N, C-alpha and C. Protein backbone atom coordinates (compact mmCIF):
# COMPACT_ATOMS: atom_id res chain seq x y z
N MET A 1 160.79 113.85 75.86
CA MET A 1 160.41 112.46 75.91
C MET A 1 159.91 112.03 74.54
N GLU A 2 160.41 110.93 74.04
CA GLU A 2 160.03 110.45 72.72
C GLU A 2 158.93 109.41 72.84
N HIS A 3 157.93 109.53 71.98
CA HIS A 3 156.82 108.57 71.96
C HIS A 3 156.82 107.85 70.64
N ASN A 4 156.58 106.58 70.67
CA ASN A 4 156.45 105.79 69.45
C ASN A 4 154.98 105.51 69.19
N LEU A 5 154.59 105.64 67.95
CA LEU A 5 153.22 105.36 67.55
C LEU A 5 153.14 103.93 67.06
N ILE A 6 152.25 103.15 67.63
CA ILE A 6 152.05 101.78 67.20
C ILE A 6 150.75 101.74 66.43
N VAL A 7 150.83 101.35 65.16
CA VAL A 7 149.65 101.26 64.33
C VAL A 7 149.06 99.86 64.49
N ARG A 8 147.78 99.80 64.79
CA ARG A 8 147.11 98.51 64.95
C ARG A 8 146.08 98.35 63.86
N GLU A 9 146.07 97.20 63.27
CA GLU A 9 145.09 96.87 62.24
C GLU A 9 143.96 96.12 62.94
N PRO A 10 142.75 96.69 63.00
CA PRO A 10 141.65 96.05 63.75
C PRO A 10 141.36 94.63 63.30
N GLU A 11 141.40 94.38 61.98
CA GLU A 11 141.09 93.03 61.51
C GLU A 11 142.11 92.02 62.03
N LEU A 12 143.39 92.41 62.02
CA LEU A 12 144.43 91.50 62.48
C LEU A 12 144.32 91.28 63.99
N TYR A 13 143.95 92.30 64.72
CA TYR A 13 143.78 92.19 66.16
C TYR A 13 142.71 91.15 66.49
N PHE A 14 141.57 91.24 65.83
CA PHE A 14 140.49 90.30 66.09
C PHE A 14 140.82 88.91 65.56
N ASP A 15 141.58 88.83 64.46
CA ASP A 15 142.00 87.52 63.98
C ASP A 15 142.82 86.80 65.03
N SER A 16 143.74 87.52 65.70
CA SER A 16 144.57 86.85 66.70
C SER A 16 143.74 86.46 67.92
N ILE A 17 142.78 87.29 68.33
CA ILE A 17 141.90 86.91 69.45
C ILE A 17 141.09 85.67 69.07
N HIS A 18 140.56 85.67 67.86
CA HIS A 18 139.80 84.53 67.37
C HIS A 18 140.66 83.27 67.40
N GLN A 19 141.89 83.37 66.92
CA GLN A 19 142.80 82.21 66.89
C GLN A 19 143.13 81.73 68.30
N GLU A 20 143.39 82.67 69.22
CA GLU A 20 143.71 82.30 70.60
C GLU A 20 142.52 81.62 71.28
N LEU A 21 141.32 82.16 71.08
CA LEU A 21 140.13 81.55 71.67
C LEU A 21 139.91 80.16 71.09
N ASN A 22 140.09 80.03 69.80
CA ASN A 22 139.93 78.73 69.16
C ASN A 22 140.95 77.72 69.71
N ASN A 23 142.20 78.16 69.88
CA ASN A 23 143.23 77.28 70.44
C ASN A 23 142.87 76.88 71.87
N PHE A 24 142.40 77.83 72.68
CA PHE A 24 142.00 77.53 74.06
C PHE A 24 140.88 76.49 74.10
N LEU A 25 139.83 76.70 73.31
CA LEU A 25 138.71 75.76 73.30
C LEU A 25 139.14 74.38 72.79
N ARG A 26 139.96 74.37 71.76
CA ARG A 26 140.44 73.08 71.23
C ARG A 26 141.26 72.34 72.28
N ASP A 27 142.19 73.07 72.93
CA ASP A 27 143.07 72.42 73.91
C ASP A 27 142.32 72.02 75.18
N THR A 28 141.34 72.81 75.58
CA THR A 28 140.61 72.54 76.81
C THR A 28 139.53 71.47 76.63
N PHE A 29 138.74 71.61 75.59
CA PHE A 29 137.59 70.74 75.40
C PHE A 29 137.71 69.80 74.20
N LEU A 30 138.85 69.85 73.54
CA LEU A 30 139.10 69.03 72.35
C LEU A 30 138.04 69.28 71.27
N VAL A 31 137.62 70.55 71.16
CA VAL A 31 136.69 70.92 70.11
C VAL A 31 137.21 72.16 69.39
N ASN A 32 136.77 72.32 68.19
CA ASN A 32 137.09 73.50 67.42
C ASN A 32 135.80 74.31 67.31
N ALA A 33 135.61 75.27 68.20
CA ALA A 33 134.34 75.98 68.32
C ALA A 33 133.93 76.71 67.05
N PHE A 34 134.90 77.19 66.29
CA PHE A 34 134.57 77.97 65.11
C PHE A 34 134.83 77.18 63.83
N ALA A 35 134.95 75.89 63.95
CA ALA A 35 135.22 75.07 62.77
C ALA A 35 134.05 75.09 61.82
N ASN A 36 134.36 74.98 60.60
CA ASN A 36 133.34 74.89 59.57
C ASN A 36 132.85 73.44 59.56
N PRO A 37 131.59 73.17 59.85
CA PRO A 37 131.13 71.79 59.96
C PRO A 37 131.28 70.99 58.67
N LEU A 38 131.29 71.67 57.53
CA LEU A 38 131.46 70.96 56.26
C LEU A 38 132.91 70.90 55.83
N ASN A 39 133.81 71.45 56.67
CA ASN A 39 135.24 71.47 56.39
C ASN A 39 135.54 72.16 55.05
N ILE A 40 134.85 73.25 54.80
CA ILE A 40 135.05 74.00 53.56
C ILE A 40 135.99 75.15 53.85
N LYS A 41 137.08 75.25 53.08
CA LYS A 41 138.00 76.37 53.25
C LYS A 41 137.44 77.58 52.52
N LYS A 42 137.46 78.71 53.18
CA LYS A 42 136.93 79.92 52.59
C LYS A 42 138.07 80.81 52.12
N MET A 43 137.81 81.57 51.04
CA MET A 43 138.77 82.57 50.60
C MET A 43 138.63 83.75 51.55
N SER A 44 139.73 84.23 52.06
CA SER A 44 139.66 85.32 53.01
C SER A 44 140.52 86.48 52.52
N THR A 45 140.34 87.60 53.17
CA THR A 45 141.18 88.75 52.88
C THR A 45 142.36 88.70 53.81
N TRP A 46 143.52 88.98 53.30
CA TRP A 46 144.72 89.02 54.12
C TRP A 46 145.39 90.36 53.92
N ARG A 47 146.21 90.76 54.86
CA ARG A 47 146.79 92.10 54.84
C ARG A 47 148.29 92.01 55.09
N PRO A 48 149.07 91.95 54.02
CA PRO A 48 150.53 91.88 54.17
C PRO A 48 151.10 93.16 54.80
N ALA A 49 152.26 93.01 55.40
CA ALA A 49 152.95 94.16 55.98
C ALA A 49 153.45 95.07 54.87
N ILE A 50 153.42 96.37 55.13
CA ILE A 50 153.81 97.36 54.14
C ILE A 50 154.69 98.42 54.81
N GLU A 51 155.61 98.97 54.03
CA GLU A 51 156.48 100.03 54.52
C GLU A 51 156.57 101.11 53.44
N VAL A 52 156.36 102.36 53.81
CA VAL A 52 156.44 103.47 52.86
C VAL A 52 157.45 104.47 53.40
N LYS A 53 158.46 104.77 52.60
CA LYS A 53 159.47 105.76 52.94
C LYS A 53 159.52 106.80 51.84
N GLN A 54 160.08 107.95 52.17
CA GLN A 54 160.27 108.96 51.14
C GLN A 54 161.52 109.79 51.43
N ASN A 55 162.08 110.32 50.37
CA ASN A 55 163.13 111.31 50.49
C ASN A 55 162.75 112.46 49.57
N GLU A 56 163.65 113.37 49.30
CA GLU A 56 163.28 114.53 48.48
C GLU A 56 162.99 114.17 47.02
N LYS A 57 163.45 113.01 46.55
CA LYS A 57 163.26 112.64 45.14
C LYS A 57 162.24 111.53 44.90
N ASN A 58 162.14 110.57 45.83
CA ASN A 58 161.35 109.36 45.59
C ASN A 58 160.51 108.95 46.79
N TYR A 59 159.49 108.14 46.45
CA TYR A 59 158.79 107.33 47.45
C TYR A 59 159.30 105.91 47.24
N LYS A 60 159.48 105.17 48.32
CA LYS A 60 159.85 103.76 48.22
C LYS A 60 158.86 102.97 49.05
N VAL A 61 158.18 102.03 48.39
CA VAL A 61 157.16 101.21 49.04
C VAL A 61 157.62 99.77 49.00
N LYS A 62 157.57 99.11 50.16
CA LYS A 62 157.89 97.69 50.24
C LYS A 62 156.67 96.96 50.78
N VAL A 63 156.36 95.82 50.16
CA VAL A 63 155.22 95.01 50.58
C VAL A 63 155.69 93.57 50.70
N GLN A 64 155.42 92.94 51.84
CA GLN A 64 155.77 91.53 52.03
C GLN A 64 154.67 90.67 51.42
N LEU A 65 155.02 89.92 50.39
CA LEU A 65 154.05 89.05 49.71
C LEU A 65 154.63 87.65 49.54
N PRO A 66 155.02 86.99 50.63
CA PRO A 66 155.60 85.65 50.48
C PRO A 66 154.58 84.66 49.91
N GLY A 67 155.05 83.84 49.02
CA GLY A 67 154.19 82.81 48.45
C GLY A 67 153.36 83.28 47.27
N VAL A 68 153.43 84.56 46.93
CA VAL A 68 152.66 85.08 45.80
C VAL A 68 153.52 85.02 44.55
N LYS A 69 152.94 84.56 43.46
CA LYS A 69 153.64 84.54 42.18
C LYS A 69 153.66 85.95 41.60
N LYS A 70 154.75 86.28 40.93
CA LYS A 70 154.90 87.61 40.35
C LYS A 70 153.73 87.96 39.43
N GLU A 71 153.26 87.00 38.67
CA GLU A 71 152.17 87.26 37.72
C GLU A 71 150.82 87.47 38.41
N ASP A 72 150.74 87.20 39.72
CA ASP A 72 149.50 87.42 40.47
C ASP A 72 149.50 88.75 41.23
N ILE A 73 150.46 89.62 40.92
CA ILE A 73 150.56 90.93 41.55
C ILE A 73 150.31 92.01 40.51
N GLN A 74 149.49 93.00 40.86
CA GLN A 74 149.25 94.14 39.98
C GLN A 74 149.53 95.42 40.76
N VAL A 75 150.20 96.37 40.08
CA VAL A 75 150.46 97.68 40.67
C VAL A 75 149.97 98.72 39.67
N GLU A 76 149.09 99.59 40.11
CA GLU A 76 148.56 100.66 39.26
C GLU A 76 148.85 102.00 39.90
N LEU A 77 149.35 102.93 39.08
CA LEU A 77 149.65 104.29 39.55
C LEU A 77 148.72 105.26 38.84
N ASP A 78 148.19 106.20 39.61
CA ASP A 78 147.26 107.18 39.04
C ASP A 78 147.38 108.47 39.84
N ASN A 79 147.86 109.54 39.21
CA ASN A 79 148.06 110.85 39.85
C ASN A 79 148.89 110.71 41.11
N ASP A 80 148.29 110.84 42.27
CA ASP A 80 149.05 110.70 43.51
C ASP A 80 148.57 109.50 44.34
N PHE A 81 148.10 108.45 43.63
CA PHE A 81 147.64 107.22 44.27
C PHE A 81 148.34 106.01 43.66
N MET A 82 148.49 104.97 44.45
CA MET A 82 148.99 103.69 43.96
C MET A 82 148.11 102.60 44.55
N THR A 83 147.68 101.65 43.71
CA THR A 83 146.90 100.51 44.17
C THR A 83 147.68 99.24 43.89
N ILE A 84 147.86 98.45 44.94
CA ILE A 84 148.55 97.16 44.83
C ILE A 84 147.50 96.09 45.09
N SER A 85 147.44 95.10 44.22
CA SER A 85 146.53 93.98 44.46
C SER A 85 147.26 92.68 44.16
N ALA A 86 146.88 91.64 44.90
CA ALA A 86 147.51 90.33 44.74
C ALA A 86 146.51 89.27 45.19
N GLU A 87 146.81 88.03 44.82
CA GLU A 87 145.94 86.93 45.22
C GLU A 87 146.78 85.68 45.42
N ILE A 88 146.46 84.97 46.49
CA ILE A 88 147.05 83.64 46.72
C ILE A 88 145.90 82.65 46.68
N GLN A 89 146.02 81.67 45.81
CA GLN A 89 144.98 80.65 45.71
C GLN A 89 145.51 79.34 46.25
N GLU A 90 144.61 78.60 46.86
CA GLU A 90 144.98 77.29 47.38
C GLU A 90 145.34 76.39 46.21
N GLU A 91 146.44 75.68 46.36
CA GLU A 91 146.87 74.78 45.29
C GLU A 91 145.96 73.57 45.24
N LYS A 92 145.52 73.23 44.06
CA LYS A 92 144.68 72.05 43.86
C LYS A 92 145.55 70.96 43.23
N GLU A 93 145.52 69.81 43.83
CA GLU A 93 146.28 68.69 43.27
C GLU A 93 145.46 67.42 43.40
N GLU A 94 145.71 66.52 42.50
CA GLU A 94 145.02 65.24 42.53
C GLU A 94 145.53 64.44 43.72
N LYS A 95 144.63 63.89 44.50
CA LYS A 95 145.00 63.10 45.66
C LYS A 95 144.87 61.62 45.36
N LYS A 96 145.76 60.85 45.94
CA LYS A 96 145.69 59.41 45.82
C LYS A 96 144.50 58.92 46.64
N GLU A 97 144.08 57.70 46.38
CA GLU A 97 142.90 57.15 47.04
C GLU A 97 143.00 57.20 48.56
N GLU A 98 144.19 56.88 49.13
CA GLU A 98 144.33 56.88 50.58
C GLU A 98 144.35 58.29 51.16
N GLU A 99 144.62 59.34 50.35
CA GLU A 99 144.65 60.72 50.83
C GLU A 99 143.28 61.39 50.75
N LYS A 100 142.31 60.78 50.08
CA LYS A 100 141.02 61.43 49.87
C LYS A 100 140.24 61.63 51.17
N ASN A 101 140.52 60.81 52.17
CA ASN A 101 139.81 60.94 53.44
C ASN A 101 140.51 61.89 54.41
N GLU A 102 141.57 62.56 53.95
CA GLU A 102 142.28 63.50 54.80
C GLU A 102 141.47 64.77 55.00
N ARG A 103 141.61 65.34 56.19
CA ARG A 103 141.03 66.65 56.43
C ARG A 103 142.03 67.43 57.27
N PHE A 104 141.86 68.71 57.30
CA PHE A 104 142.81 69.57 58.00
C PHE A 104 142.68 69.41 59.50
N HIS A 105 143.81 69.24 60.15
CA HIS A 105 143.87 69.28 61.61
C HIS A 105 144.15 70.72 62.03
N THR A 106 145.13 71.33 61.38
CA THR A 106 145.49 72.73 61.60
C THR A 106 146.00 73.30 60.29
N SER A 107 145.56 74.48 59.96
CA SER A 107 146.10 75.19 58.80
C SER A 107 146.09 76.67 59.11
N GLU A 108 147.27 77.27 59.10
CA GLU A 108 147.40 78.71 59.31
C GLU A 108 147.77 79.41 58.01
N PHE A 109 147.74 78.67 56.91
CA PHE A 109 148.01 79.28 55.62
C PHE A 109 146.88 80.23 55.29
N ARG A 110 147.20 81.32 54.64
CA ARG A 110 146.18 82.29 54.24
C ARG A 110 146.06 82.29 52.73
N TYR A 111 144.83 82.23 52.28
CA TYR A 111 144.53 82.30 50.86
C TYR A 111 143.52 83.42 50.69
N GLY A 112 143.59 84.08 49.57
CA GLY A 112 142.60 85.12 49.33
C GLY A 112 143.16 86.26 48.52
N LYS A 113 142.42 87.35 48.53
CA LYS A 113 142.76 88.53 47.74
C LYS A 113 143.24 89.64 48.65
N TYR A 114 144.12 90.46 48.10
CA TYR A 114 144.66 91.59 48.83
C TYR A 114 144.59 92.80 47.91
N GLN A 115 144.15 93.93 48.46
CA GLN A 115 144.18 95.18 47.70
C GLN A 115 144.42 96.31 48.68
N ARG A 116 145.32 97.19 48.31
CA ARG A 116 145.66 98.32 49.17
C ARG A 116 145.91 99.52 48.30
N THR A 117 145.32 100.65 48.65
CA THR A 117 145.55 101.90 47.94
C THR A 117 146.29 102.84 48.86
N ILE A 118 147.35 103.43 48.33
CA ILE A 118 148.19 104.34 49.10
C ILE A 118 148.13 105.69 48.41
N SER A 119 147.90 106.74 49.18
CA SER A 119 147.93 108.08 48.59
C SER A 119 149.23 108.76 49.00
N PHE A 120 149.74 109.56 48.09
CA PHE A 120 150.98 110.28 48.33
C PHE A 120 150.66 111.76 48.49
N ASP A 121 151.48 112.46 49.24
CA ASP A 121 151.22 113.87 49.50
C ASP A 121 151.78 114.79 48.41
N GLN A 122 152.30 114.19 47.36
CA GLN A 122 152.87 114.95 46.26
C GLN A 122 152.60 114.19 44.96
N PRO A 123 152.41 114.90 43.84
CA PRO A 123 152.21 114.18 42.56
C PRO A 123 153.43 113.30 42.23
N ILE A 124 153.17 112.20 41.55
CA ILE A 124 154.23 111.23 41.22
C ILE A 124 154.45 111.14 39.72
N LYS A 125 155.61 110.64 39.35
CA LYS A 125 155.93 110.39 37.93
C LYS A 125 155.73 108.90 37.68
N SER A 126 154.54 108.53 37.26
CA SER A 126 154.25 107.11 37.08
C SER A 126 155.09 106.50 35.96
N GLU A 127 155.42 107.27 34.93
CA GLU A 127 156.18 106.72 33.79
C GLU A 127 157.61 106.36 34.17
N ASP A 128 158.17 106.92 35.22
CA ASP A 128 159.54 106.62 35.63
C ASP A 128 159.61 105.67 36.83
N SER A 129 158.47 105.14 37.25
CA SER A 129 158.42 104.25 38.41
C SER A 129 158.85 102.85 38.03
N LYS A 130 159.32 102.10 39.02
CA LYS A 130 159.70 100.70 38.75
C LYS A 130 159.37 99.83 39.95
N ALA A 131 159.10 98.56 39.66
CA ALA A 131 158.76 97.59 40.70
C ALA A 131 159.65 96.37 40.54
N VAL A 132 160.16 95.87 41.65
CA VAL A 132 161.01 94.67 41.66
C VAL A 132 160.42 93.71 42.69
N TYR A 133 160.29 92.44 42.30
CA TYR A 133 159.77 91.41 43.20
C TYR A 133 160.82 90.33 43.35
N LYS A 134 161.32 90.17 44.58
CA LYS A 134 162.36 89.18 44.82
C LYS A 134 162.20 88.62 46.23
N ASP A 135 162.23 87.31 46.36
CA ASP A 135 162.17 86.62 47.64
C ASP A 135 160.96 87.04 48.48
N GLY A 136 159.81 87.20 47.83
CA GLY A 136 158.59 87.53 48.55
C GLY A 136 158.44 88.99 48.94
N LEU A 137 159.35 89.84 48.49
CA LEU A 137 159.31 91.26 48.82
C LEU A 137 159.15 92.08 47.54
N LEU A 138 158.07 92.83 47.48
CA LEU A 138 157.81 93.74 46.36
C LEU A 138 158.33 95.12 46.75
N THR A 139 159.25 95.66 45.95
CA THR A 139 159.82 96.98 46.20
C THR A 139 159.49 97.88 45.03
N ILE A 140 158.80 98.99 45.31
CA ILE A 140 158.36 99.91 44.27
C ILE A 140 159.02 101.26 44.54
N THR A 141 159.69 101.79 43.52
CA THR A 141 160.32 103.10 43.62
C THR A 141 159.55 104.05 42.70
N ILE A 142 159.07 105.14 43.28
CA ILE A 142 158.22 106.08 42.54
C ILE A 142 158.81 107.48 42.67
N PRO A 143 159.30 108.05 41.56
CA PRO A 143 159.84 109.41 41.64
C PRO A 143 158.73 110.44 41.87
N LYS A 144 159.07 111.46 42.62
CA LYS A 144 158.14 112.56 42.86
C LYS A 144 158.24 113.55 41.70
N GLN A 145 157.12 114.16 41.36
CA GLN A 145 157.16 115.25 40.38
C GLN A 145 157.65 116.49 41.09
N LYS A 146 158.47 117.22 40.39
CA LYS A 146 158.98 118.46 40.97
C LYS A 146 157.85 119.48 40.96
N ILE A 147 157.62 120.06 42.09
CA ILE A 147 156.58 121.09 42.20
C ILE A 147 157.24 122.45 42.11
N GLU A 148 156.84 123.19 41.10
CA GLU A 148 157.38 124.53 40.92
C GLU A 148 156.72 125.47 41.92
N PRO A 149 157.50 126.30 42.57
CA PRO A 149 156.90 127.24 43.52
C PRO A 149 156.03 128.26 42.77
N ALA A 150 154.96 128.64 43.39
CA ALA A 150 154.06 129.62 42.78
C ALA A 150 154.76 130.98 42.73
N HIS A 151 154.58 131.67 41.61
CA HIS A 151 155.19 132.99 41.47
C HIS A 151 154.23 134.03 42.02
N ARG A 152 154.76 134.91 42.82
CA ARG A 152 153.94 135.98 43.36
C ARG A 152 153.91 137.14 42.38
N LYS A 153 152.76 137.70 42.32
CA LYS A 153 152.60 138.88 41.47
C LYS A 153 151.77 139.89 42.24
N HIS A 154 152.27 141.10 42.27
CA HIS A 154 151.55 142.18 42.94
C HIS A 154 150.68 142.87 41.89
N LEU A 155 149.37 142.90 42.11
CA LEU A 155 148.47 143.57 41.19
C LEU A 155 148.25 145.01 41.64
N GLU A 156 148.40 145.86 40.69
CA GLU A 156 148.13 147.27 40.98
C GLU A 156 146.65 147.53 40.82
N ILE A 157 146.08 148.21 41.76
CA ILE A 157 144.64 148.50 41.74
C ILE A 157 144.42 149.85 41.08
N THR A 158 143.53 149.83 40.11
CA THR A 158 143.21 151.09 39.38
C THR A 158 141.78 151.50 39.66
N ASP A 159 141.45 152.71 39.20
CA ASP A 159 140.11 153.24 39.39
C ASP A 159 139.12 152.71 38.37
N SER A 160 139.59 152.25 37.24
CA SER A 160 138.63 151.80 36.23
C SER A 160 138.87 150.40 35.76
């Protein structure tokens, strides 16, 4: 019998419960129970989807970062770790006089900072790694360092 492992991110789980409860209260009582009374948007942490694969030569990491500018993404490699960080900032634009009294009715856009560190089970060749960002998908290819097998040596035991 085959079993599939479902990975759950606790923060995302509670975010969806929070959103569902907020929707229920808004629809039932026409109130936004968790609304910010000053209508201030907060910078939050967001957690993009990630995929890590490996074969005998490489690790391949894919991260979904839609809406992020390439220059707002950093990838750092160190020994057998990789840290990816990115940020999405709310766009600021000058509003016309009639738009100044606008406020959000609904916004599911996420703004904030993202950082994720991934450890690998084998040393990596950071100098030969490459990253490509296209259509909101960051793809990083990281070659593995070849691990030489340890040589066995039989030590002869002497009296002195």
